[in-house]
PDB file of N, CA and C in Angstrom:
ATOM      1  N   UNK A   1     -17.865  -5.650  19.127  1.00  0.00           N
ATOM      2  CA  UNK A   1     -18.858  -4.931  18.275  1.00  0.00           C
ATOM      3  C   UNK A   1     -18.284  -3.472  18.080  1.00  0.00           C
ATOM      4  N   UNK A   2     -18.391  -2.976  16.860  1.00  0.00           N
ATOM      5  CA  UNK A   2     -17.957  -1.627  16.600  1.00  0.00           C
ATOM      6  C   UNK A   2     -19.163  -0.612  16.837  1.00  0.00           C
ATOM      7  N   UNK A   3     -18.919   0.431  17.463  1.00  0.00           N
ATOM      8  CA  UNK A   3     -19.858   1.496  17.671  1.00  0.00           C
ATOM      9  C   UNK A   3     -19.846   2.454  16.429  1.00  0.00           C
ATOM     10  N   UNK A   4     -20.959   3.134  16.424  1.00  0.00           N
ATOM     11  CA  UNK A   4     -21.089   4.182  15.377  1.00  0.00           C
ATOM     12  C   UNK A   4     -19.938   5.253  15.534  1.00  0.00           C
ATOM     13  N   UNK A   5     -19.626   5.571  16.772  1.00  0.00           N
ATOM     14  CA  UNK A   5     -18.484   6.538  17.024  1.00  0.00           C
ATOM     15  C   UNK A   5     -17.198   6.016  16.511  1.00  0.00           C
ATOM     16  N   UNK A   6     -16.981   4.739  16.642  1.00  0.00           N
ATOM     17  CA  UNK A   6     -15.717   4.184  16.174  1.00  0.00           C
ATOM     18  C   UNK A   6     -15.709   4.142  14.622  1.00  0.00           C
ATOM     19  N   UNK A   7     -16.883   3.876  13.989  1.00  0.00           N
ATOM     20  CA  UNK A   7     -16.946   3.880  12.529  1.00  0.00           C
ATOM     21  C   UNK A   7     -16.628   5.232  11.980  1.00  0.00           C
ATOM     22  N   UNK A   8     -17.194   6.279  12.704  1.00  0.00           N
ATOM     23  CA  UNK A   8     -16.970   7.691  12.367  1.00  0.00           C
ATOM     24  C   UNK A   8     -15.519   8.109  12.469  1.00  0.00           C
ATOM     25  N   UNK A   9     -14.770   7.571  13.472  1.00  0.00           N
ATOM     26  CA  UNK A   9     -13.473   7.786  13.681  1.00  0.00           C
ATOM     27  C   UNK A   9     -12.639   7.148  12.602  1.00  0.00           C
ATOM     28  N   UNK A  10     -12.977   5.883  12.214  1.00  0.00           N
ATOM     29  CA  UNK A  10     -12.291   5.291  11.200  1.00  0.00           C
ATOM     30  C   UNK A  10     -12.409   5.995   9.785  1.00  0.00           C
ATOM     31  N   UNK A  11     -13.509   6.432   9.612  1.00  0.00           N
ATOM     32  CA  UNK A  11     -13.876   7.186   8.377  1.00  0.00           C
ATOM     33  C   UNK A  11     -13.042   8.424   8.312  1.00  0.00           C
ATOM     34  N   UNK A  12     -12.944   9.243   9.370  1.00  0.00           N
ATOM     35  CA  UNK A  12     -12.180  10.368   9.424  1.00  0.00           C
ATOM     36  C   UNK A  12     -10.631  10.093   9.192  1.00  0.00           C
ATOM     37  N   UNK A  13     -10.192   8.995   9.815  1.00  0.00           N
ATOM     38  CA  UNK A  13      -8.810   8.665   9.610  1.00  0.00           C
ATOM     39  C   UNK A  13      -8.565   8.306   8.144  1.00  0.00           C
ATOM     40  N   UNK A  14      -9.442   7.566   7.574  1.00  0.00           N
ATOM     41  CA  UNK A  14      -9.378   7.115   6.127  1.00  0.00           C
ATOM     42  C   UNK A  14      -9.365   8.399   5.323  1.00  0.00           C
ATOM     43  N   UNK A  15     -10.301   9.344   5.492  1.00  0.00           N
ATOM     44  CA  UNK A  15     -10.308  10.585   4.804  1.00  0.00           C
ATOM     45  C   UNK A  15      -9.004  11.305   4.757  1.00  0.00           C
ATOM     46  N   UNK A  16      -8.435  11.432   6.093  1.00  0.00           N
ATOM     47  CA  UNK A  16      -7.141  12.116   6.301  1.00  0.00           C
ATOM     48  C   UNK A  16      -5.979  11.483   5.496  1.00  0.00           C
ATOM     49  N   UNK A  17      -5.971  10.086   5.576  1.00  0.00           N
ATOM     50  CA  UNK A  17      -4.942   9.391   4.778  1.00  0.00           C
ATOM     51  C   UNK A  17      -5.132   9.636   3.353  1.00  0.00           C
ATOM     52  N   UNK A  18      -6.302   9.574   2.911  1.00  0.00           N
ATOM     53  CA  UNK A  18      -6.625   9.736   1.360  1.00  0.00           C
ATOM     54  C   UNK A  18      -6.099  11.168   0.943  1.00  0.00           C
ATOM     55  N   UNK A  19      -6.394  12.257   1.817  1.00  0.00           N
ATOM     56  CA  UNK A  19      -6.001  13.530   1.426  1.00  0.00           C
ATOM     57  C   UNK A  19      -4.387  13.643   1.468  1.00  0.00           C
ATOM     58  N   UNK A  20      -3.772  13.062   2.512  1.00  0.00           N
ATOM     59  CA  UNK A  20      -2.337  12.974   2.556  1.00  0.00           C
ATOM     60  C   UNK A  20      -1.738  12.365   1.295  1.00  0.00           C
ATOM     61  N   UNK A  21      -2.275  11.249   0.936  1.00  0.00           N
ATOM     62  CA  UNK A  21      -1.693  10.516  -0.139  1.00  0.00           C
ATOM     63  C   UNK A  21      -1.908  11.294  -1.473  1.00  0.00           C
ATOM     64  N   UNK A  22      -3.063  11.984  -1.578  1.00  0.00           N
ATOM     65  CA  UNK A  22      -3.362  12.606  -2.826  1.00  0.00           C
ATOM     66  C   UNK A  22      -2.481  13.808  -2.985  1.00  0.00           C
ATOM     67  N   UNK A  23      -1.976  14.416  -1.867  1.00  0.00           N
ATOM     68  CA  UNK A  23      -1.131  15.574  -1.909  1.00  0.00           C
ATOM     69  C   UNK A  23       0.374  15.339  -1.694  1.00  0.00           C
ATOM     70  N   UNK A  24       0.674  14.095  -1.542  1.00  0.00           N
ATOM     71  CA  UNK A  24       2.049  13.685  -1.292  1.00  0.00           C
ATOM     72  C   UNK A  24       2.850  13.705  -2.699  1.00  0.00           C
ATOM     73  N   UNK A  25       3.896  14.401  -2.742  1.00  0.00           N
ATOM     74  CA  UNK A  25       4.792  14.592  -3.933  1.00  0.00           C
ATOM     75  C   UNK A  25       5.225  13.219  -4.534  1.00  0.00           C
ATOM     76  N   UNK A  26       5.691  12.302  -3.649  1.00  0.00           N
ATOM     77  CA  UNK A  26       6.157  11.030  -4.171  1.00  0.00           C
ATOM     78  C   UNK A  26       4.990  10.300  -4.799  1.00  0.00           C
ATOM     79  N   UNK A  27       3.857  10.267  -4.096  1.00  0.00           N
ATOM     80  CA  UNK A  27       2.738   9.460  -4.593  1.00  0.00           C
ATOM     81  C   UNK A  27       2.256  10.032  -5.894  1.00  0.00           C
ATOM     82  N   UNK A  28       2.294  11.395  -6.041  1.00  0.00           N
ATOM     83  CA  UNK A  28       1.904  11.995  -7.244  1.00  0.00           C
ATOM     84  C   UNK A  28       2.710  11.657  -8.428  1.00  0.00           C
ATOM     85  N   UNK A  29       3.985  11.536  -8.121  1.00  0.00           N
ATOM     86  CA  UNK A  29       4.914  11.140  -9.306  1.00  0.00           C
ATOM     87  C   UNK A  29       4.655   9.732  -9.799  1.00  0.00           C
ATOM     88  N   UNK A  30       4.105   8.896  -8.920  1.00  0.00           N
ATOM     89  CA  UNK A  30       3.784   7.552  -9.293  1.00  0.00           C
ATOM     90  C   UNK A  30       2.565   7.445 -10.147  1.00  0.00           C
ATOM     91  N   UNK A  31       1.710   8.427 -10.151  1.00  0.00           N
ATOM     92  CA  UNK A  31       0.503   8.588 -10.976  1.00  0.00           C
ATOM     93  C   UNK A  31      -0.454   7.361 -10.597  1.00  0.00           C
ATOM     94  N   UNK A  32      -0.571   6.968  -9.499  1.00  0.00           N
ATOM     95  CA  UNK A  32      -1.368   5.807  -9.118  1.00  0.00           C
ATOM     96  C   UNK A  32      -2.631   6.142  -8.489  1.00  0.00           C
ATOM     97  N   UNK A  33      -2.923   7.402  -8.125  1.00  0.00           N
ATOM     98  CA  UNK A  33      -4.188   7.846  -7.503  1.00  0.00           C
ATOM     99  C   UNK A  33      -4.737   8.929  -8.436  1.00  0.00           C
ATOM    100  N   UNK A  34      -5.992   8.745  -8.770  1.00  0.00           N
ATOM    101  CA  UNK A  34      -6.666   9.825  -9.676  1.00  0.00           C
ATOM    102  C   UNK A  34      -7.248  10.911  -8.835  1.00  0.00           C
ATOM    103  N   UNK A  35      -7.894  11.840  -9.438  1.00  0.00           N
ATOM    104  CA  UNK A  35      -8.393  13.035  -8.897  1.00  0.00           C
ATOM    105  C   UNK A  35      -9.456  12.752  -7.939  1.00  0.00           C
ATOM    106  N   UNK A  36     -10.167  11.587  -7.966  1.00  0.00           N
ATOM    107  CA  UNK A  36     -11.208  11.223  -7.148  1.00  0.00           C
ATOM    108  C   UNK A  36     -10.762  10.435  -5.903  1.00  0.00           C
ATOM    109  N   UNK A  37      -9.331  10.101  -5.901  1.00  0.00           N
ATOM    110  CA  UNK A  37      -8.731   9.398  -4.882  1.00  0.00           C
ATOM    111  C   UNK A  37      -8.728   7.816  -5.037  1.00  0.00           C
ATOM    112  N   UNK A  38      -9.128   7.437  -6.201  1.00  0.00           N
ATOM    113  CA  UNK A  38      -9.160   5.985  -6.542  1.00  0.00           C
ATOM    114  C   UNK A  38      -7.734   5.568  -6.937  1.00  0.00           C
ATOM    115  N   UNK A  39      -7.261   4.381  -6.391  1.00  0.00           N
ATOM    116  CA  UNK A  39      -5.978   3.895  -6.645  1.00  0.00           C
ATOM    117  C   UNK A  39      -5.939   2.923  -7.740  1.00  0.00           C
ATOM    118  N   UNK A  40      -5.046   3.065  -8.707  1.00  0.00           N
ATOM    119  CA  UNK A  40      -4.735   2.157  -9.812  1.00  0.00           C
ATOM    120  C   UNK A  40      -3.885   1.039  -9.179  1.00  0.00           C
ATOM    121  N   UNK A  41      -4.507  -0.037  -8.654  1.00  0.00           N
ATOM    122  CA  UNK A  41      -3.770  -1.096  -7.981  1.00  0.00           C
ATOM    123  C   UNK A  41      -2.793  -1.763  -8.947  1.00  0.00           C
ATOM    124  N   UNK A  42      -3.177  -2.085 -10.203  1.00  0.00           N
ATOM    125  CA  UNK A  42      -2.321  -2.742 -11.072  1.00  0.00           C
ATOM    126  C   UNK A  42      -1.038  -1.932 -11.318  1.00  0.00           C
ATOM    127  N   UNK A  43      -1.218  -0.688 -11.570  1.00  0.00           N
ATOM    128  CA  UNK A  43       0.010   0.266 -11.799  1.00  0.00           C
ATOM    129  C   UNK A  43       0.930   0.347 -10.535  1.00  0.00           C
ATOM    130  N   UNK A  44       0.223   0.472  -9.466  1.00  0.00           N
ATOM    131  CA  UNK A  44       0.991   0.420  -8.142  1.00  0.00           C
ATOM    132  C   UNK A  44       1.794  -0.822  -7.990  1.00  0.00           C
ATOM    133  N   UNK A  45       1.072  -1.884  -8.185  1.00  0.00           N
ATOM    134  CA  UNK A  45       1.818  -3.302  -8.239  1.00  0.00           C
ATOM    135  C   UNK A  45       3.065  -3.391  -9.019  1.00  0.00           C
ATOM    136  N   UNK A  46       2.967  -2.894 -10.191  1.00  0.00           N
ATOM    137  CA  UNK A  46       4.003  -2.883 -11.184  1.00  0.00           C
ATOM    138  C   UNK A  46       5.197  -1.963 -10.723  1.00  0.00           C
ATOM    139  N   UNK A  47       4.791  -0.745 -10.170  1.00  0.00           N
ATOM    140  CA  UNK A  47       5.830   0.164  -9.685  1.00  0.00           C
ATOM    141  C   UNK A  47       6.633  -0.481  -8.510  1.00  0.00           C
ATOM    142  N   UNK A  48       5.855  -1.073  -7.606  1.00  0.00           N
ATOM    143  CA  UNK A  48       6.463  -1.628  -6.343  1.00  0.00           C
ATOM    144  C   UNK A  48       7.407  -2.762  -6.824  1.00  0.00           C
ATOM    145  N   UNK A  49       6.901  -3.587  -7.629  1.00  0.00           N
ATOM    146  CA  UNK A  49       7.780  -4.725  -8.085  1.00  0.00           C
ATOM    147  C   UNK A  49       9.097  -4.255  -8.745  1.00  0.00           C
ATOM    148  N   UNK A  50       8.997  -3.198  -9.584  1.00  0.00           N
ATOM    149  CA  UNK A  50      10.226  -2.614 -10.270  1.00  0.00           C
ATOM    150  C   UNK A  50      11.152  -2.114  -9.202  1.00  0.00           C
ATOM    151  N   UNK A  51      10.631  -1.350  -8.099  1.00  0.00           N
ATOM    152  CA  UNK A  51      11.439  -0.819  -7.145  1.00  0.00           C
ATOM    153  C   UNK A  51      12.244  -1.958  -6.333  1.00  0.00           C
ATOM    154  N   UNK A  52      11.510  -3.033  -5.998  1.00  0.00           N
ATOM    155  CA  UNK A  52      11.982  -4.128  -5.339  1.00  0.00           C
ATOM    156  C   UNK A  52      13.051  -4.844  -6.113  1.00  0.00           C
ATOM    157  N   UNK A  53      12.842  -4.970  -7.440  1.00  0.00           N
ATOM    158  CA  UNK A  53      13.830  -5.674  -8.313  1.00  0.00           C
ATOM    159  C   UNK A  53      15.058  -4.906  -8.444  1.00  0.00           C
ATOM    160  N   UNK A  54      14.820  -3.512  -8.497  1.00  0.00           N
ATOM    161  CA  UNK A  54      16.067  -2.618  -8.652  1.00  0.00           C
ATOM    162  C   UNK A  54      17.003  -2.751  -7.410  1.00  0.00           C
ATOM    163  N   UNK A  55      16.323  -2.928  -6.255  1.00  0.00           N
ATOM    164  CA  UNK A  55      17.120  -2.979  -5.128  1.00  0.00           C
ATOM    165  C   UNK A  55      17.461  -4.413  -4.535  1.00  0.00           C
ATOM    166  N   UNK A  56      17.195  -5.406  -5.529  1.00  0.00           N
ATOM    167  CA  UNK A  56      17.409  -6.821  -5.109  1.00  0.00           C
ATOM    168  C   UNK A  56      16.726  -7.238  -3.747  1.00  0.00           C
ATOM    169  N   UNK A  57      15.514  -6.793  -3.655  1.00  0.00           N
ATOM    170  CA  UNK A  57      14.623  -7.078  -2.546  1.00  0.00           C
ATOM    171  C   UNK A  57      14.459  -5.935  -1.530  1.00  0.00           C
ATOM    172  N   UNK A  58      13.447  -6.076  -0.733  1.00  0.00           N
ATOM    173  CA  UNK A  58      13.116  -5.124   0.278  1.00  0.00           C
ATOM    174  C   UNK A  58      13.184  -5.650   1.590  1.00  0.00           C
ATOM    175  N   UNK A  59      14.268  -5.319   2.337  1.00  0.00           N
ATOM    176  CA  UNK A  59      14.358  -5.908   3.749  1.00  0.00           C
ATOM    177  C   UNK A  59      13.465  -5.200   4.688  1.00  0.00           C
ATOM    178  N   UNK A  60      12.777  -6.021   5.430  1.00  0.00           N
ATOM    179  CA  UNK A  60      11.884  -5.519   6.488  1.00  0.00           C
ATOM    180  C   UNK A  60      12.138  -6.137   7.910  1.00  0.00           C
ATOM    181  N   UNK A  61      12.279  -5.498   8.986  1.00  0.00           N
ATOM    182  CA  UNK A  61      12.460  -5.951  10.215  1.00  0.00           C
ATOM    183  C   UNK A  61      11.114  -6.092  10.919  1.00  0.00           C
ATOM    184  N   UNK A  62      10.829  -7.389  11.351  1.00  0.00           N
ATOM    185  CA  UNK A  62       9.562  -7.792  11.941  1.00  0.00           C
ATOM    186  C   UNK A  62       9.881  -8.175  13.430  1.00  0.00           C
ATOM    187  N   UNK A  63       9.318  -7.513  14.343  1.00  0.00           N
ATOM    188  CA  UNK A  63       9.550  -7.844  15.759  1.00  0.00           C
ATOM    189  C   UNK A  63       9.296  -9.366  16.103  1.00  0.00           C
ATOM    190  N   UNK A  64      10.163  -9.912  16.866  1.00  0.00           N
ATOM    191  CA  UNK A  64      10.156 -11.403  17.302  1.00  0.00           C
ATOM    192  C   UNK A  64      10.526 -12.281  16.100  1.00  0.00           C
ATOM    193  N   UNK A  65      10.454 -11.812  14.932  1.00  0.00           N
ATOM    194  CA  UNK A  65      10.828 -12.738  13.786  1.00  0.00           C
ATOM    195  C   UNK A  65      12.305 -12.415  13.170  1.00  0.00           C
ATOM    196  N   UNK A  66      12.455 -11.131  13.060  1.00  0.00           N
ATOM    197  CA  UNK A  66      13.789 -10.748  12.606  1.00  0.00           C
ATOM    198  C   UNK A  66      13.538 -10.084  11.217  1.00  0.00           C
ATOM    199  N   UNK A  67      14.734  -9.982  10.518  1.00  0.00           N
ATOM    200  CA  UNK A  67      14.764  -9.431   9.186  1.00  0.00           C
ATOM    201  C   UNK A  67      14.387 -10.395   8.108  1.00  0.00           C
ATOM    202  N   UNK A  68      13.464 -10.018   7.196  1.00  0.00           N
ATOM    203  CA  UNK A  68      13.067 -10.769   6.148  1.00  0.00           C
ATOM    204  C   UNK A  68      13.195  -9.896   4.886  1.00  0.00           C
ATOM    205  N   UNK A  69      13.416 -10.496   3.702  1.00  0.00           N
ATOM    206  CA  UNK A  69      13.493  -9.720   2.461  1.00  0.00           C
ATOM    207  C   UNK A  69      12.382 -10.170   1.530  1.00  0.00           C
ATOM    208  N   UNK A  70      11.613  -9.180   1.097  1.00  0.00           N
ATOM    209  CA  UNK A  70      10.569  -9.426   0.120  1.00  0.00           C
ATOM    210  C   UNK A  70      11.130  -9.192  -1.303  1.00  0.00           C
ATOM    211  N   UNK A  71      10.735 -10.044  -2.240  1.00  0.00           N
ATOM    212  CA  UNK A  71      11.108  -9.971  -3.587  1.00  0.00           C
ATOM    213  C   UNK A  71       9.898  -9.846  -4.422  1.00  0.00           C
ATOM    214  N   UNK A  72      10.118  -9.539  -5.691  1.00  0.00           N
ATOM    215  CA  UNK A  72       8.845  -9.149  -6.501  1.00  0.00           C
ATOM    216  C   UNK A  72       7.906 -10.344  -6.592  1.00  0.00           C
ATOM    217  N   UNK A  73       8.419 -11.616  -6.562  1.00  0.00           N
ATOM    218  CA  UNK A  73       7.487 -12.677  -6.483  1.00  0.00           C
ATOM    219  C   UNK A  73       6.636 -12.790  -5.271  1.00  0.00           C
ATOM    220  N   UNK A  74       7.260 -12.331  -4.114  1.00  0.00           N
ATOM    221  CA  UNK A  74       6.458 -12.166  -2.901  1.00  0.00           C
ATOM    222  C   UNK A  74       5.260 -11.146  -2.988  1.00  0.00           C
ATOM    223  N   UNK A  75       5.543 -10.105  -3.837  1.00  0.00           N
ATOM    224  CA  UNK A  75       4.441  -9.134  -3.983  1.00  0.00           C
ATOM    225  C   UNK A  75       3.250  -9.713  -4.904  1.00  0.00           C
ATOM    226  N   UNK A  76       3.686 -10.612  -5.731  1.00  0.00           N
ATOM    227  CA  UNK A  76       2.581 -11.235  -6.475  1.00  0.00           C
ATOM    228  C   UNK A  76       1.857 -12.206  -5.676  1.00  0.00           C
ATOM    229  N   UNK A  77       2.443 -12.888  -4.725  1.00  0.00           N
ATOM    230  CA  UNK A  77       1.801 -13.885  -3.884  1.00  0.00           C
ATOM    231  C   UNK A  77       0.842 -13.044  -2.898  1.00  0.00           C
ATOM    232  N   UNK A  78       1.353 -11.924  -2.437  1.00  0.00           N
ATOM    233  CA  UNK A  78       0.556 -11.138  -1.482  1.00  0.00           C
ATOM    234  C   UNK A  78      -0.678 -10.598  -2.240  1.00  0.00           C
ATOM    235  N   UNK A  79      -0.472  -9.993  -3.375  1.00  0.00           N
ATOM    236  CA  UNK A  79      -1.508  -9.530  -4.173  1.00  0.00           C
ATOM    237  C   UNK A  79      -2.632 -10.570  -4.489  1.00  0.00           C
ATOM    238  N   UNK A  80      -2.198 -11.667  -4.822  1.00  0.00           N
ATOM    239  CA  UNK A  80      -3.155 -12.766  -5.161  1.00  0.00           C
ATOM    240  C   UNK A  80      -3.923 -13.278  -3.817  1.00  0.00           C
ATOM    241  N   UNK A  81      -3.206 -13.117  -2.736  1.00  0.00           N
ATOM    242  CA  UNK A  81      -3.942 -13.594  -1.456  1.00  0.00           C
ATOM    243  C   UNK A  81      -4.963 -12.464  -1.220  1.00  0.00           C
ATOM    244  N   UNK A  82      -4.652 -11.213  -1.259  1.00  0.00           N
ATOM    245  CA  UNK A  82      -5.598 -10.133  -1.062  1.00  0.00           C
ATOM    246  C   UNK A  82      -6.752 -10.114  -2.035  1.00  0.00           C
ATOM    247  N   UNK A  83      -6.405 -10.489  -3.266  1.00  0.00           N
ATOM    248  CA  UNK A  83      -7.541 -10.433  -4.331  1.00  0.00           C
ATOM    249  C   UNK A  83      -8.534 -11.522  -4.109  1.00  0.00           C
ATOM    250  N   UNK A  84      -8.098 -12.612  -3.427  1.00  0.00           N
ATOM    251  CA  UNK A  84      -9.039 -13.650  -3.204  1.00  0.00           C
ATOM    252  C   UNK A  84     -10.117 -13.306  -2.007  1.00  0.00           C
ATOM    253  N   UNK A  85      -9.724 -12.336  -1.103  1.00  0.00           N
ATOM    254  CA  UNK A  85     -10.578 -11.972  -0.077  1.00  0.00           C
ATOM    255  C   UNK A  85     -11.694 -11.203  -0.530  1.00  0.00           C
TER     256      UNK A  85
END
């Protein structure tokens, strides 16, 4: 069970992350977060897919599993899985 204190701590962390992302130069150039801190998920999805396609995949090292490479189609699958939740 989560306590009120743990919820407050999570909210503080989320607020710090939001401020960091809103002030991050790279994130600003993507134009995916508006002045209220809302994320344009569709635009972010398209930008991520373009970057992955440009590099012929995004290699990720996962402990105990090893290196796997994500492709733009994997991003679509992940997005659809998250959208169902």
